[in-house]
């Protein structure tokens, strides 16, 4: 059966279609050729893939790094303040 929607349309110099890659850390779809999570973005190739992976590595753990980078304040009794 033929689909009424166009399929496998490559845009903006991409070699893979939108939705060909899924980032399991943040549950978002992207382009498989450069791992971009921005739809209709211009393809940046292998260099962009490395940059996107490095940039997206910290996205899912932003709150975790915040908790470990700042120590928790300790409650002190009034007479010790």
C-alpha atoms as a PDB file:
ATOM      1  CA  UNK A   1       0.000   0.000   0.000  1.00  0.00           C
ATOM      2  CA  UNK A   2       1.264   3.421  -0.887  1.00  0.00           C
ATOM      3  CA  UNK A   3       1.323   6.075   1.840  1.00  0.00           C
ATOM      4  CA  UNK A   4      -0.402   9.390   1.224  1.00  0.00           C
ATOM      5  CA  UNK A   5       2.478  11.107   3.091  1.00  0.00           C
ATOM      6  CA  UNK A   6       5.924  11.723   1.598  1.00  0.00           C
ATOM      7  CA  UNK A   7       8.557   9.424   3.081  1.00  0.00           C
ATOM      8  CA  UNK A   8      12.356   9.448   3.273  1.00  0.00           C
ATOM      9  CA  UNK A   9      12.674  13.141   2.423  1.00  0.00           C
ATOM     10  CA  UNK A  10      16.179  14.390   3.261  1.00  0.00           C
ATOM     11  CA  UNK A  11      16.439  18.093   4.142  1.00  0.00           C
ATOM     12  CA  UNK A  12      19.222  20.557   4.983  1.00  0.00           C
ATOM     13  CA  UNK A  13      22.116  18.343   3.877  1.00  0.00           C
ATOM     14  CA  UNK A  14      21.146  15.459   6.197  1.00  0.00           C
ATOM     15  CA  UNK A  15      21.862  11.903   5.084  1.00  0.00           C
ATOM     16  CA  UNK A  16      19.331  10.396   7.535  1.00  0.00           C
ATOM     17  CA  UNK A  17      15.699  11.288   8.148  1.00  0.00           C
ATOM     18  CA  UNK A  18      14.294  12.948  11.273  1.00  0.00           C
ATOM     19  CA  UNK A  19      13.523  10.286  13.856  1.00  0.00           C
ATOM     20  CA  UNK A  20      16.326   7.966  12.758  1.00  0.00           C
ATOM     21  CA  UNK A  21      18.080   8.412  16.124  1.00  0.00           C
ATOM     22  CA  UNK A  22      16.731   8.387  19.681  1.00  0.00           C
ATOM     23  CA  UNK A  23      18.634   9.761  22.684  1.00  0.00           C
ATOM     24  CA  UNK A  24      17.700   7.411  25.534  1.00  0.00           C
ATOM     25  CA  UNK A  25      19.162   9.704  28.208  1.00  0.00           C
ATOM     26  CA  UNK A  26      16.622  12.468  27.596  1.00  0.00           C
ATOM     27  CA  UNK A  27      13.991  10.574  25.535  1.00  0.00           C
ATOM     28  CA  UNK A  28      14.128  12.758  22.417  1.00  0.00           C
ATOM     29  CA  UNK A  29      14.214  11.972  18.693  1.00  0.00           C
ATOM     30  CA  UNK A  30      16.792  13.406  16.318  1.00  0.00           C
ATOM     31  CA  UNK A  31      18.808  12.916  13.143  1.00  0.00           C
ATOM     32  CA  UNK A  32      20.957   9.786  12.954  1.00  0.00           C
ATOM     33  CA  UNK A  33      23.757  11.332  10.895  1.00  0.00           C
ATOM     34  CA  UNK A  34      24.831  14.065  13.342  1.00  0.00           C
ATOM     35  CA  UNK A  35      22.726  13.288  16.463  1.00  0.00           C
ATOM     36  CA  UNK A  36      21.086  16.704  16.313  1.00  0.00           C
ATOM     37  CA  UNK A  37      17.926  16.944  18.408  1.00  0.00           C
ATOM     38  CA  UNK A  38      16.713  20.094  16.617  1.00  0.00           C
ATOM     39  CA  UNK A  39      14.284  19.363  13.810  1.00  0.00           C
ATOM     40  CA  UNK A  40      14.984  21.081  10.459  1.00  0.00           C
ATOM     41  CA  UNK A  41      18.512  21.978  11.594  1.00  0.00           C
ATOM     42  CA  UNK A  42      21.377  21.984   9.081  1.00  0.00           C
ATOM     43  CA  UNK A  43      23.536  18.860   9.109  1.00  0.00           C
ATOM     44  CA  UNK A  44      27.015  19.310  10.538  1.00  0.00           C
ATOM     45  CA  UNK A  45      28.354  15.824   9.740  1.00  0.00           C
ATOM     46  CA  UNK A  46      30.793  13.821  11.871  1.00  0.00           C
ATOM     47  CA  UNK A  47      32.251  16.889  13.600  1.00  0.00           C
ATOM     48  CA  UNK A  48      28.744  17.941  14.571  1.00  0.00           C
ATOM     49  CA  UNK A  49      27.974  14.423  15.786  1.00  0.00           C
ATOM     50  CA  UNK A  50      30.889  14.579  18.235  1.00  0.00           C
ATOM     51  CA  UNK A  51      29.907  18.087  19.358  1.00  0.00           C
ATOM     52  CA  UNK A  52      26.232  17.157  19.764  1.00  0.00           C
ATOM     53  CA  UNK A  53      27.098  14.037  21.777  1.00  0.00           C
ATOM     54  CA  UNK A  54      29.370  16.080  24.060  1.00  0.00           C
ATOM     55  CA  UNK A  55      26.731  18.791  24.497  1.00  0.00           C
ATOM     56  CA  UNK A  56      23.902  16.317  25.099  1.00  0.00           C
ATOM     57  CA  UNK A  57      25.941  14.289  27.603  1.00  0.00           C
ATOM     58  CA  UNK A  58      25.328  16.867  30.339  1.00  0.00           C
ATOM     59  CA  UNK A  59      21.668  17.530  29.544  1.00  0.00           C
ATOM     60  CA  UNK A  60      20.199  14.530  31.352  1.00  0.00           C
ATOM     61  CA  UNK A  61      22.371  14.910  34.438  1.00  0.00           C
ATOM     62  CA  UNK A  62      22.015  18.646  35.033  1.00  0.00           C
ATOM     63  CA  UNK A  63      20.255  18.273  38.376  1.00  0.00           C
ATOM     64  CA  UNK A  64      22.642  15.566  39.514  1.00  0.00           C
ATOM     65  CA  UNK A  65      25.666  17.774  38.931  1.00  0.00           C
ATOM     66  CA  UNK A  66      23.949  20.659  40.704  1.00  0.00           C
ATOM     67  CA  UNK A  67      23.392  18.583  43.826  1.00  0.00           C
ATOM     68  CA  UNK A  68      26.985  17.374  43.979  1.00  0.00           C
ATOM     69  CA  UNK A  69      28.639  20.671  43.111  1.00  0.00           C
ATOM     70  CA  UNK A  70      27.074  22.605  46.011  1.00  0.00           C
ATOM     71  CA  UNK A  71      27.325  21.248  49.539  1.00  0.00           C
ATOM     72  CA  UNK A  72      24.174  21.110  51.601  1.00  0.00           C
ATOM     73  CA  UNK A  73      23.922  23.680  54.379  1.00  0.00           C
ATOM     74  CA  UNK A  74      23.870  22.115  57.801  1.00  0.00           C
ATOM     75  CA  UNK A  75      21.409  23.193  60.438  1.00  0.00           C
ATOM     76  CA  UNK A  76      23.144  24.482  63.555  1.00  0.00           C
ATOM     77  CA  UNK A  77      21.608  24.961  66.977  1.00  0.00           C
ATOM     78  CA  UNK A  78      20.912  28.597  67.875  1.00  0.00           C
ATOM     79  CA  UNK A  79      23.553  28.671  70.612  1.00  0.00           C
ATOM     80  CA  UNK A  80      26.299  27.731  68.090  1.00  0.00           C
ATOM     81  CA  UNK A  81      25.452  30.466  65.559  1.00  0.00           C
END
